[in-house]
Amino acid sequence: MTSIFSQLLVPIYADLHIAVTAYLLPSLLPGMLALVTFDIAYLLFFRKRQKDYKIFLRSNQFILFIMFFYLAFIIYLTILSRPSGSRTGVDLMPLATLSDSLSGNIYAAENVLLFLPFGVIYCFLPIAGKRASQCRMTGFTISVSIEVVQYITKRGFLQTDDVILNVLGCYIGYIIGSRLIKLKDGFPLPSG
């Protein structure tokens, strides 16, 4: 049992550590710029509806910043961190990257983990009608967009596995996020 964890978790931790230290700080500025751009666009297009100003509450702005920051991190990690022309190829066979060996499935686990935060953050976004199907469709759209950009810029392989595993991670994150919301709602804050 210990060797399974060391074979699977140690390489994932090492890759995660490298990604976080290399791309976390560069993602802050694009995250802030995206939030400011979103706020300005929101004010320009939706300023007539008074009830829509809830989006500018501090807690909602924080969640929006976390989402934009996370998306900037994903872009840095999956596209901008790779030199153009470094990776080319197309693999449309579903689940072709899965293997019999545990260490061979680290790539699959990383793809699931990559989009897990998206599902969690999505649950807390200040938008109406957050359903699992919308979360999966949004995750699917983002994942396909990343794959297409990687293919066009030759910064990654176009693989259906990436999309499938990203959407799975998104859905698992959504389940975790919805459970966290239920847990939070079960412990009301004291008023006074």
N, C-alpha and C. Protein backbone atom coordinates (compact mmCIF):
# COMPACT_ATOMS: atom_id res chain seq x y z
N MET A 1 0.82 -1.19 0.00
CA MET A 1 0.00 0.00 0.00
C MET A 1 0.87 1.26 0.00
N THR A 2 1.94 1.24 0.77
CA THR A 2 2.82 2.39 0.83
C THR A 2 3.48 2.65 -0.52
N SER A 3 3.87 1.59 -1.22
CA SER A 3 4.52 1.79 -2.51
C SER A 3 3.56 2.37 -3.55
N ILE A 4 2.27 2.04 -3.44
CA ILE A 4 1.28 2.62 -4.35
C ILE A 4 1.24 4.13 -4.17
N PHE A 5 1.18 4.56 -2.91
CA PHE A 5 1.14 6.00 -2.65
C PHE A 5 2.42 6.69 -3.08
N SER A 6 3.55 6.05 -2.82
CA SER A 6 4.81 6.69 -3.21
C SER A 6 4.97 6.72 -4.73
N GLN A 7 4.49 5.70 -5.42
CA GLN A 7 4.59 5.69 -6.89
C GLN A 7 3.65 6.69 -7.53
N LEU A 8 2.51 6.93 -6.93
CA LEU A 8 1.51 7.81 -7.52
C LEU A 8 1.61 9.24 -6.99
N LEU A 9 1.65 9.39 -5.67
CA LEU A 9 1.56 10.72 -5.09
C LEU A 9 2.85 11.53 -5.14
N VAL A 10 3.99 10.90 -5.00
CA VAL A 10 5.25 11.64 -5.02
C VAL A 10 5.47 12.33 -6.37
N PRO A 11 5.31 11.64 -7.50
CA PRO A 11 5.46 12.35 -8.79
C PRO A 11 4.41 13.44 -9.00
N ILE A 12 3.19 13.21 -8.56
CA ILE A 12 2.15 14.24 -8.69
C ILE A 12 2.52 15.45 -7.85
N TYR A 13 2.97 15.21 -6.62
CA TYR A 13 3.38 16.30 -5.74
C TYR A 13 4.55 17.07 -6.35
N ALA A 14 5.52 16.36 -6.91
CA ALA A 14 6.68 17.02 -7.52
C ALA A 14 6.24 17.90 -8.69
N ASP A 15 5.38 17.39 -9.55
CA ASP A 15 4.88 18.18 -10.68
C ASP A 15 4.07 19.38 -10.20
N LEU A 16 3.24 19.17 -9.19
CA LEU A 16 2.42 20.26 -8.64
C LEU A 16 3.30 21.33 -8.02
N HIS A 17 4.32 20.92 -7.30
CA HIS A 17 5.23 21.87 -6.66
C HIS A 17 5.93 22.74 -7.71
N ILE A 18 6.39 22.13 -8.78
CA ILE A 18 7.04 22.88 -9.85
C ILE A 18 6.05 23.86 -10.49
N ALA A 19 4.85 23.39 -10.77
CA ALA A 19 3.84 24.25 -11.41
C ALA A 19 3.48 25.43 -10.53
N VAL A 20 3.27 25.17 -9.24
CA VAL A 20 2.85 26.25 -8.33
C VAL A 20 3.96 27.27 -8.18
N THR A 21 5.19 26.82 -7.97
CA THR A 21 6.28 27.78 -7.77
C THR A 21 6.59 28.56 -9.04
N ALA A 22 6.42 27.96 -10.19
CA ALA A 22 6.77 28.64 -11.44
C ALA A 22 5.66 29.52 -11.99
N TYR A 23 4.39 29.15 -11.79
CA TYR A 23 3.31 29.84 -12.50
C TYR A 23 2.29 30.53 -11.61
N LEU A 24 2.39 30.37 -10.30
CA LEU A 24 1.39 30.97 -9.42
C LEU A 24 1.51 32.49 -9.41
N LEU A 25 2.70 33.01 -9.16
CA LEU A 25 2.87 34.46 -9.10
C LEU A 25 2.58 35.14 -10.44
N PRO A 26 3.05 34.60 -11.57
CA PRO A 26 2.71 35.25 -12.84
C PRO A 26 1.20 35.26 -13.14
N SER A 27 0.43 34.46 -12.44
CA SER A 27 -1.01 34.40 -12.67
C SER A 27 -1.77 35.48 -11.91
N LEU A 28 -1.13 36.12 -10.93
CA LEU A 28 -1.82 37.13 -10.12
C LEU A 28 -2.25 38.33 -10.94
N LEU A 29 -1.34 38.92 -11.68
CA LEU A 29 -1.67 40.12 -12.45
C LEU A 29 -2.75 39.86 -13.50
N PRO A 30 -2.64 38.81 -14.32
CA PRO A 30 -3.74 38.54 -15.26
C PRO A 30 -5.07 38.29 -14.56
N GLY A 31 -5.04 37.65 -13.38
CA GLY A 31 -6.27 37.43 -12.62
C GLY A 31 -6.90 38.75 -12.20
N MET A 32 -6.07 39.68 -11.72
CA MET A 32 -6.59 40.99 -11.31
C MET A 32 -7.10 41.78 -12.51
N LEU A 33 -6.35 41.75 -13.61
CA LEU A 33 -6.78 42.47 -14.82
C LEU A 33 -8.09 41.90 -15.36
N ALA A 34 -8.24 40.59 -15.31
CA ALA A 34 -9.49 39.98 -15.77
C ALA A 34 -10.66 40.40 -14.89
N LEU A 35 -10.44 40.49 -13.58
CA LEU A 35 -11.51 40.92 -12.68
C LEU A 35 -11.91 42.37 -12.95
N VAL A 36 -10.94 43.24 -13.12
CA VAL A 36 -11.24 44.65 -13.41
C VAL A 36 -11.97 44.76 -14.74
N THR A 37 -11.51 44.04 -15.75
CA THR A 37 -12.18 44.05 -17.06
C THR A 37 -13.61 43.54 -16.93
N PHE A 38 -13.80 42.46 -16.18
CA PHE A 38 -15.14 41.92 -15.96
C PHE A 38 -16.03 42.95 -15.27
N ASP A 39 -15.51 43.60 -14.23
CA ASP A 39 -16.30 44.59 -13.49
C ASP A 39 -16.71 45.77 -14.38
N ILE A 40 -15.79 46.25 -15.18
CA ILE A 40 -16.10 47.37 -16.07
C ILE A 40 -17.15 46.95 -17.10
N ALA A 41 -16.96 45.80 -17.71
CA ALA A 41 -17.94 45.31 -18.69
C ALA A 41 -19.30 45.09 -18.03
N TYR A 42 -19.30 44.58 -16.82
CA TYR A 42 -20.56 44.34 -16.11
C TYR A 42 -21.27 45.66 -15.83
N LEU A 43 -20.51 46.67 -15.41
CA LEU A 43 -21.11 47.99 -15.16
C LEU A 43 -21.67 48.60 -16.44
N LEU A 44 -20.96 48.44 -17.55
CA LEU A 44 -21.42 49.01 -18.81
C LEU A 44 -22.68 48.34 -19.34
N PHE A 45 -22.78 47.03 -19.19
CA PHE A 45 -23.88 46.30 -19.81
C PHE A 45 -25.06 46.01 -18.87
N PHE A 46 -24.83 45.99 -17.58
CA PHE A 46 -25.90 45.60 -16.66
C PHE A 46 -26.18 46.64 -15.58
N ARG A 47 -25.77 47.87 -15.77
CA ARG A 47 -25.92 48.87 -14.72
C ARG A 47 -27.36 49.28 -14.48
N LYS A 48 -28.28 48.96 -15.37
CA LYS A 48 -29.68 49.38 -15.21
C LYS A 48 -30.43 48.53 -14.20
N ARG A 49 -29.96 47.31 -13.97
CA ARG A 49 -30.66 46.43 -13.04
C ARG A 49 -30.04 46.56 -11.66
N GLN A 50 -30.79 47.09 -10.72
CA GLN A 50 -30.29 47.37 -9.38
C GLN A 50 -29.88 46.09 -8.63
N LYS A 51 -30.64 45.02 -8.79
CA LYS A 51 -30.35 43.79 -8.05
C LYS A 51 -29.04 43.15 -8.48
N ASP A 52 -28.54 43.49 -9.66
CA ASP A 52 -27.32 42.88 -10.16
C ASP A 52 -26.06 43.43 -9.51
N TYR A 53 -26.19 44.44 -8.67
CA TYR A 53 -25.01 45.00 -8.03
C TYR A 53 -24.49 44.13 -6.89
N LYS A 54 -25.19 43.03 -6.57
CA LYS A 54 -24.69 42.09 -5.55
C LYS A 54 -23.35 41.50 -5.97
N ILE A 55 -23.10 41.50 -7.24
CA ILE A 55 -21.85 40.91 -7.73
C ILE A 55 -20.64 41.71 -7.25
N PHE A 56 -20.85 42.96 -6.85
CA PHE A 56 -19.75 43.80 -6.40
C PHE A 56 -19.50 43.71 -4.89
N LEU A 57 -20.24 42.84 -4.20
CA LEU A 57 -19.95 42.60 -2.79
C LEU A 57 -18.55 42.02 -2.66
N ARG A 58 -17.90 42.32 -1.57
CA ARG A 58 -16.51 41.89 -1.38
C ARG A 58 -16.35 40.37 -1.51
N SER A 59 -17.27 39.61 -0.92
CA SER A 59 -17.14 38.15 -0.99
C SER A 59 -17.29 37.64 -2.43
N ASN A 60 -18.20 38.24 -3.18
CA ASN A 60 -18.38 37.85 -4.58
C ASN A 60 -17.18 38.24 -5.44
N GLN A 61 -16.62 39.41 -5.17
CA GLN A 61 -15.44 39.84 -5.91
C GLN A 61 -14.25 38.92 -5.61
N PHE A 62 -14.17 38.46 -4.37
CA PHE A 62 -13.10 37.54 -4.00
C PHE A 62 -13.22 36.22 -4.78
N ILE A 63 -14.44 35.68 -4.84
CA ILE A 63 -14.66 34.42 -5.57
C ILE A 63 -14.35 34.62 -7.06
N LEU A 64 -14.79 35.74 -7.63
CA LEU A 64 -14.50 36.01 -9.04
C LEU A 64 -12.99 36.12 -9.28
N PHE A 65 -12.28 36.80 -8.35
CA PHE A 65 -10.83 36.90 -8.50
C PHE A 65 -10.18 35.53 -8.45
N ILE A 66 -10.62 34.68 -7.52
CA ILE A 66 -10.07 33.33 -7.41
C ILE A 66 -10.27 32.58 -8.73
N MET A 67 -11.46 32.70 -9.33
CA MET A 67 -11.73 32.02 -10.60
C MET A 67 -10.83 32.55 -11.72
N PHE A 68 -10.73 33.88 -11.84
CA PHE A 68 -9.88 34.45 -12.90
C PHE A 68 -8.41 34.10 -12.67
N PHE A 69 -7.98 34.14 -11.42
CA PHE A 69 -6.61 33.77 -11.07
C PHE A 69 -6.34 32.31 -11.44
N TYR A 70 -7.28 31.44 -11.11
CA TYR A 70 -7.15 30.02 -11.43
C TYR A 70 -7.09 29.81 -12.95
N LEU A 71 -7.95 30.49 -13.69
CA LEU A 71 -7.94 30.35 -15.16
C LEU A 71 -6.63 30.85 -15.76
N ALA A 72 -6.10 31.95 -15.21
CA ALA A 72 -4.80 32.45 -15.68
C ALA A 72 -3.70 31.42 -15.39
N PHE A 73 -3.77 30.80 -14.22
CA PHE A 73 -2.81 29.75 -13.85
C PHE A 73 -2.88 28.59 -14.84
N ILE A 74 -4.10 28.18 -15.19
CA ILE A 74 -4.29 27.08 -16.14
C ILE A 74 -3.69 27.44 -17.50
N ILE A 75 -3.90 28.67 -17.94
CA ILE A 75 -3.36 29.11 -19.23
C ILE A 75 -1.83 29.10 -19.21
N TYR A 76 -1.25 29.61 -18.11
CA TYR A 76 0.20 29.57 -17.99
C TYR A 76 0.72 28.14 -18.01
N LEU A 77 0.06 27.28 -17.26
CA LEU A 77 0.53 25.90 -17.11
C LEU A 77 0.40 25.09 -18.39
N THR A 78 -0.72 25.24 -19.08
CA THR A 78 -1.00 24.38 -20.23
C THR A 78 -0.53 24.94 -21.57
N ILE A 79 -0.35 26.25 -21.65
CA ILE A 79 -0.01 26.85 -22.95
C ILE A 79 1.28 27.68 -22.88
N LEU A 80 1.30 28.68 -22.03
CA LEU A 80 2.40 29.65 -22.06
C LEU A 80 3.72 29.10 -21.51
N SER A 81 3.67 28.02 -20.76
CA SER A 81 4.90 27.46 -20.18
C SER A 81 5.70 26.64 -21.19
N ARG A 82 5.14 26.41 -22.35
CA ARG A 82 5.77 25.54 -23.34
C ARG A 82 6.20 26.36 -24.55
N PRO A 83 7.38 26.09 -25.08
CA PRO A 83 7.79 26.81 -26.29
C PRO A 83 6.95 26.38 -27.50
N SER A 84 6.69 27.34 -28.37
CA SER A 84 5.91 27.05 -29.57
C SER A 84 6.66 26.05 -30.45
N GLY A 85 5.92 25.07 -30.95
CA GLY A 85 6.50 24.06 -31.81
C GLY A 85 7.13 22.89 -31.06
N SER A 86 7.03 22.89 -29.74
CA SER A 86 7.70 21.85 -28.95
C SER A 86 6.94 20.53 -28.92
N ARG A 87 5.64 20.59 -29.10
CA ARG A 87 4.84 19.37 -29.02
C ARG A 87 3.78 19.39 -30.11
N THR A 88 3.77 18.37 -30.91
CA THR A 88 2.75 18.27 -31.95
C THR A 88 2.18 16.87 -31.96
N GLY A 89 0.97 16.77 -32.41
CA GLY A 89 0.36 15.46 -32.54
C GLY A 89 -1.10 15.49 -32.15
N VAL A 90 -1.82 14.49 -32.63
CA VAL A 90 -3.25 14.35 -32.35
C VAL A 90 -3.50 12.92 -31.92
N ASP A 91 -4.25 12.76 -30.83
CA ASP A 91 -4.65 11.44 -30.36
C ASP A 91 -6.13 11.50 -30.00
N LEU A 92 -6.97 11.02 -30.89
CA LEU A 92 -8.41 11.09 -30.68
C LEU A 92 -9.00 9.81 -30.09
N MET A 93 -8.17 8.84 -29.76
CA MET A 93 -8.63 7.60 -29.15
C MET A 93 -8.94 7.85 -27.67
N PRO A 94 -10.20 7.71 -27.26
CA PRO A 94 -10.53 7.94 -25.86
C PRO A 94 -9.81 6.97 -24.93
N LEU A 95 -9.31 7.50 -23.84
CA LEU A 95 -8.64 6.77 -22.76
C LEU A 95 -7.39 6.02 -23.23
N ALA A 96 -6.76 6.49 -24.28
CA ALA A 96 -5.55 5.84 -24.81
C ALA A 96 -4.34 6.06 -23.91
N THR A 97 -4.34 7.12 -23.11
CA THR A 97 -3.18 7.39 -22.26
C THR A 97 -3.19 6.57 -20.98
N LEU A 98 -4.31 5.93 -20.67
CA LEU A 98 -4.35 5.09 -19.47
C LEU A 98 -3.53 3.83 -19.72
N SER A 99 -2.83 3.40 -18.68
CA SER A 99 -1.98 2.22 -18.85
C SER A 99 -2.18 1.25 -17.68
N ASP A 100 -1.55 0.10 -17.78
CA ASP A 100 -1.65 -0.91 -16.73
C ASP A 100 -0.81 -0.54 -15.52
N SER A 101 0.27 0.18 -15.74
CA SER A 101 1.15 0.52 -14.62
C SER A 101 0.62 1.73 -13.87
N LEU A 102 0.85 1.74 -12.57
CA LEU A 102 0.38 2.83 -11.73
C LEU A 102 1.09 4.12 -12.08
N SER A 103 2.39 4.04 -12.29
CA SER A 103 3.14 5.25 -12.60
C SER A 103 2.75 5.83 -13.96
N GLY A 104 2.27 5.00 -14.85
CA GLY A 104 1.82 5.48 -16.16
C GLY A 104 0.53 6.28 -16.10
N ASN A 105 -0.20 6.13 -15.02
CA ASN A 105 -1.47 6.84 -14.87
C ASN A 105 -1.34 8.16 -14.12
N ILE A 106 -0.12 8.54 -13.81
CA ILE A 106 0.10 9.82 -13.14
C ILE A 106 -0.41 10.96 -14.02
N TYR A 107 -0.15 10.85 -15.30
CA TYR A 107 -0.61 11.86 -16.26
C TYR A 107 -2.14 12.00 -16.20
N ALA A 108 -2.84 10.89 -16.12
CA ALA A 108 -4.30 10.92 -16.03
C ALA A 108 -4.75 11.57 -14.73
N ALA A 109 -4.10 11.21 -13.64
CA ALA A 109 -4.46 11.78 -12.34
C ALA A 109 -4.22 13.29 -12.34
N GLU A 110 -3.14 13.73 -12.95
CA GLU A 110 -2.85 15.17 -13.01
C GLU A 110 -3.90 15.91 -13.84
N ASN A 111 -4.39 15.30 -14.90
CA ASN A 111 -5.44 15.94 -15.70
C ASN A 111 -6.74 16.06 -14.91
N VAL A 112 -7.06 15.07 -14.11
CA VAL A 112 -8.25 15.16 -13.26
C VAL A 112 -8.05 16.25 -12.21
N LEU A 113 -6.89 16.25 -11.55
CA LEU A 113 -6.61 17.23 -10.50
C LEU A 113 -6.54 18.66 -11.04
N LEU A 114 -6.14 18.82 -12.28
CA LEU A 114 -6.01 20.15 -12.88
C LEU A 114 -7.33 20.90 -12.90
N PHE A 115 -8.43 20.21 -13.17
CA PHE A 115 -9.73 20.87 -13.28
C PHE A 115 -10.60 20.69 -12.04
N LEU A 116 -10.15 19.96 -11.05
CA LEU A 116 -10.92 19.79 -9.82
C LEU A 116 -11.21 21.13 -9.15
N PRO A 117 -10.23 22.04 -9.01
CA PRO A 117 -10.53 23.34 -8.41
C PRO A 117 -11.59 24.13 -9.18
N PHE A 118 -11.64 23.96 -10.50
CA PHE A 118 -12.64 24.68 -11.29
C PHE A 118 -14.05 24.33 -10.82
N GLY A 119 -14.31 23.04 -10.62
CA GLY A 119 -15.63 22.61 -10.17
C GLY A 119 -15.98 23.15 -8.79
N VAL A 120 -14.99 23.18 -7.89
CA VAL A 120 -15.23 23.70 -6.54
C VAL A 120 -15.53 25.20 -6.61
N ILE A 121 -14.69 25.94 -7.31
CA ILE A 121 -14.88 27.40 -7.41
C ILE A 121 -16.19 27.72 -8.11
N TYR A 122 -16.55 26.95 -9.12
CA TYR A 122 -17.79 27.18 -9.87
C TYR A 122 -19.00 27.18 -8.93
N CYS A 123 -19.00 26.30 -7.95
CA CYS A 123 -20.13 26.22 -7.00
C CYS A 123 -20.31 27.51 -6.21
N PHE A 124 -19.23 28.24 -5.99
CA PHE A 124 -19.29 29.45 -5.17
C PHE A 124 -19.45 30.72 -6.00
N LEU A 125 -19.44 30.62 -7.32
CA LEU A 125 -19.59 31.81 -8.16
C LEU A 125 -20.93 32.49 -7.92
N PRO A 126 -20.96 33.82 -7.96
CA PRO A 126 -22.22 34.55 -7.73
C PRO A 126 -23.08 34.62 -8.99
N ILE A 127 -23.45 33.46 -9.52
CA ILE A 127 -24.33 33.40 -10.68
C ILE A 127 -25.52 32.53 -10.34
N ALA A 128 -26.61 32.79 -11.00
CA ALA A 128 -27.83 32.03 -10.72
C ALA A 128 -27.83 30.72 -11.50
N GLY A 129 -28.49 29.73 -10.95
CA GLY A 129 -28.72 28.48 -11.66
C GLY A 129 -27.48 27.64 -11.89
N LYS A 130 -26.66 27.50 -10.87
CA LYS A 130 -25.44 26.70 -11.03
C LYS A 130 -25.80 25.22 -10.93
N ARG A 131 -25.80 24.56 -12.07
CA ARG A 131 -26.11 23.13 -12.10
C ARG A 131 -24.87 22.36 -12.53
N ALA A 132 -24.86 21.08 -12.19
CA ALA A 132 -23.72 20.22 -12.54
C ALA A 132 -23.52 20.17 -14.06
N SER A 133 -24.61 20.14 -14.81
CA SER A 133 -24.49 20.06 -16.27
C SER A 133 -23.84 21.33 -16.83
N GLN A 134 -24.17 22.48 -16.25
CA GLN A 134 -23.55 23.73 -16.70
C GLN A 134 -22.06 23.75 -16.36
N CYS A 135 -21.73 23.24 -15.19
CA CYS A 135 -20.33 23.17 -14.77
C CYS A 135 -19.54 22.27 -15.72
N ARG A 136 -20.09 21.11 -16.01
CA ARG A 136 -19.41 20.18 -16.91
C ARG A 136 -19.26 20.78 -18.31
N MET A 137 -20.30 21.45 -18.80
CA MET A 137 -20.24 22.05 -20.13
C MET A 137 -19.21 23.19 -20.18
N THR A 138 -19.15 23.98 -19.12
CA THR A 138 -18.16 25.05 -19.07
C THR A 138 -16.75 24.47 -19.01
N GLY A 139 -16.56 23.44 -18.17
CA GLY A 139 -15.26 22.77 -18.11
C GLY A 139 -14.88 22.15 -19.44
N PHE A 140 -15.86 21.55 -20.11
CA PHE A 140 -15.63 20.95 -21.43
C PHE A 140 -15.18 22.02 -22.43
N THR A 141 -15.87 23.16 -22.44
CA THR A 141 -15.55 24.24 -23.36
C THR A 141 -14.14 24.78 -23.12
N ILE A 142 -13.80 24.98 -21.86
CA ILE A 142 -12.46 25.48 -21.53
C ILE A 142 -11.40 24.45 -21.93
N SER A 143 -11.64 23.19 -21.63
CA SER A 143 -10.68 22.14 -21.95
C SER A 143 -10.48 22.00 -23.46
N VAL A 144 -11.57 22.01 -24.22
CA VAL A 144 -11.46 21.93 -25.68
C VAL A 144 -10.72 23.16 -26.22
N SER A 145 -11.00 24.32 -25.67
CA SER A 145 -10.31 25.54 -26.10
C SER A 145 -8.81 25.43 -25.87
N ILE A 146 -8.43 24.91 -24.72
CA ILE A 146 -7.01 24.71 -24.42
C ILE A 146 -6.38 23.74 -25.42
N GLU A 147 -7.07 22.65 -25.68
CA GLU A 147 -6.54 21.64 -26.62
C GLU A 147 -6.36 22.23 -28.02
N VAL A 148 -7.33 23.02 -28.47
CA VAL A 148 -7.25 23.63 -29.80
C VAL A 148 -6.08 24.62 -29.87
N VAL A 149 -5.95 25.45 -28.84
CA VAL A 149 -4.84 26.42 -28.82
C VAL A 149 -3.50 25.69 -28.77
N GLN A 150 -3.42 24.63 -27.96
CA GLN A 150 -2.18 23.84 -27.92
C GLN A 150 -1.86 23.26 -29.30
N TYR A 151 -2.86 22.78 -29.98
CA TYR A 151 -2.64 22.19 -31.31
C TYR A 151 -2.20 23.25 -32.33
N ILE A 152 -2.90 24.38 -32.34
CA ILE A 152 -2.59 25.44 -33.31
C ILE A 152 -1.19 26.00 -33.07
N THR A 153 -0.83 26.23 -31.80
CA THR A 153 0.47 26.81 -31.48
C THR A 153 1.57 25.76 -31.34
N LYS A 154 1.20 24.50 -31.46
CA LYS A 154 2.13 23.37 -31.31
C LYS A 154 2.81 23.39 -29.94
N ARG A 155 2.00 23.68 -28.92
CA ARG A 155 2.48 23.68 -27.54
C ARG A 155 1.93 22.51 -26.74
N GLY A 156 1.32 21.58 -27.41
CA GLY A 156 0.78 20.41 -26.72
C GLY A 156 0.07 19.50 -27.71
N PHE A 157 -0.12 18.28 -27.28
CA PHE A 157 -0.83 17.31 -28.10
C PHE A 157 -2.33 17.53 -27.97
N LEU A 158 -3.04 17.37 -29.05
CA LEU A 158 -4.50 17.42 -29.02
C LEU A 158 -4.98 16.02 -28.67
N GLN A 159 -5.51 15.85 -27.45
CA GLN A 159 -5.91 14.53 -26.98
C GLN A 159 -7.31 14.57 -26.40
N THR A 160 -8.11 13.60 -26.80
CA THR A 160 -9.45 13.50 -26.21
C THR A 160 -9.37 13.10 -24.74
N ASP A 161 -8.32 12.38 -24.36
CA ASP A 161 -8.15 12.01 -22.95
C ASP A 161 -8.10 13.23 -22.05
N ASP A 162 -7.38 14.26 -22.50
CA ASP A 162 -7.28 15.47 -21.69
C ASP A 162 -8.67 16.04 -21.42
N VAL A 163 -9.48 16.12 -22.45
CA VAL A 163 -10.83 16.68 -22.30
C VAL A 163 -11.67 15.81 -21.37
N ILE A 164 -11.66 14.51 -21.59
CA ILE A 164 -12.46 13.60 -20.76
C ILE A 164 -12.04 13.69 -19.29
N LEU A 165 -10.73 13.65 -19.04
CA LEU A 165 -10.24 13.68 -17.67
C LEU A 165 -10.42 15.05 -17.03
N ASN A 166 -10.30 16.13 -17.81
CA ASN A 166 -10.56 17.46 -17.28
C ASN A 166 -12.01 17.62 -16.86
N VAL A 167 -12.93 17.14 -17.69
CA VAL A 167 -14.36 17.23 -17.35
C VAL A 167 -14.66 16.36 -16.13
N LEU A 168 -14.04 15.21 -16.02
CA LEU A 168 -14.21 14.37 -14.83
C LEU A 168 -13.74 15.11 -13.59
N GLY A 169 -12.58 15.75 -13.67
CA GLY A 169 -12.08 16.54 -12.55
C GLY A 169 -13.00 17.69 -12.20
N CYS A 170 -13.54 18.33 -13.22
CA CYS A 170 -14.50 19.42 -13.03
C CYS A 170 -15.74 18.93 -12.29
N TYR A 171 -16.24 17.78 -12.67
CA TYR A 171 -17.45 17.22 -12.05
C TYR A 171 -17.17 16.79 -10.61
N ILE A 172 -16.03 16.16 -10.36
CA ILE A 172 -15.67 15.78 -8.99
C ILE A 172 -15.55 17.04 -8.13
N GLY A 173 -14.93 18.08 -8.68
CA GLY A 173 -14.83 19.35 -7.97
C GLY A 173 -16.20 19.95 -7.68
N TYR A 174 -17.12 19.83 -8.63
CA TYR A 174 -18.48 20.34 -8.42
C TYR A 174 -19.15 19.60 -7.27
N ILE A 175 -18.98 18.29 -7.22
CA ILE A 175 -19.57 17.50 -6.12
C ILE A 175 -18.99 17.95 -4.79
N ILE A 176 -17.67 18.12 -4.74
CA ILE A 176 -17.03 18.58 -3.50
C ILE A 176 -17.52 19.97 -3.13
N GLY A 177 -17.58 20.88 -4.11
CA GLY A 177 -18.04 22.24 -3.85
C GLY A 177 -19.47 22.30 -3.36
N SER A 178 -20.36 21.50 -3.95
CA SER A 178 -21.76 21.51 -3.51
C SER A 178 -21.88 20.93 -2.10
N ARG A 179 -21.04 19.96 -1.76
CA ARG A 179 -21.03 19.43 -0.39
C ARG A 179 -20.52 20.49 0.60
N LEU A 180 -19.51 21.24 0.19
CA LEU A 180 -18.99 22.31 1.04
C LEU A 180 -20.04 23.38 1.29
N ILE A 181 -20.82 23.71 0.27
CA ILE A 181 -21.89 24.70 0.43
C ILE A 181 -22.94 24.18 1.40
N LYS A 182 -23.33 22.91 1.26
CA LYS A 182 -24.30 22.33 2.19
C LYS A 182 -23.75 22.32 3.61
N LEU A 183 -22.47 22.03 3.75
CA LEU A 183 -21.84 22.04 5.06
C LEU A 183 -21.83 23.45 5.64
N LYS A 184 -21.49 24.43 4.80
CA LYS A 184 -21.47 25.84 5.23
C LYS A 184 -22.86 26.30 5.63
N ASP A 185 -23.87 25.92 4.86
CA ASP A 185 -25.25 26.31 5.17
C ASP A 185 -25.76 25.64 6.43
N GLY A 186 -25.17 24.52 6.80
CA GLY A 186 -25.57 23.81 8.01
C GLY A 186 -25.04 24.46 9.28
N PHE A 187 -24.07 25.36 9.13
CA PHE A 187 -23.49 26.07 10.27
C PHE A 187 -23.70 27.57 10.08
N PRO A 188 -24.90 28.07 10.40
CA PRO A 188 -25.16 29.50 10.20
C PRO A 188 -24.29 30.34 11.13
N LEU A 189 -23.87 31.49 10.61
CA LEU A 189 -23.08 32.41 11.41
C LEU A 189 -23.96 33.10 12.44
N PRO A 190 -23.44 33.33 13.65
CA PRO A 190 -24.25 34.02 14.66
C PRO A 190 -24.47 35.47 14.25
N SER A 191 -25.68 35.94 14.45
CA SER A 191 -25.99 37.34 14.12
C SER A 191 -25.85 38.18 15.37
N GLY A 192 -25.52 39.41 15.17
CA GLY A 192 -25.42 40.27 16.35
C GLY A 192 -24.41 41.25 16.17
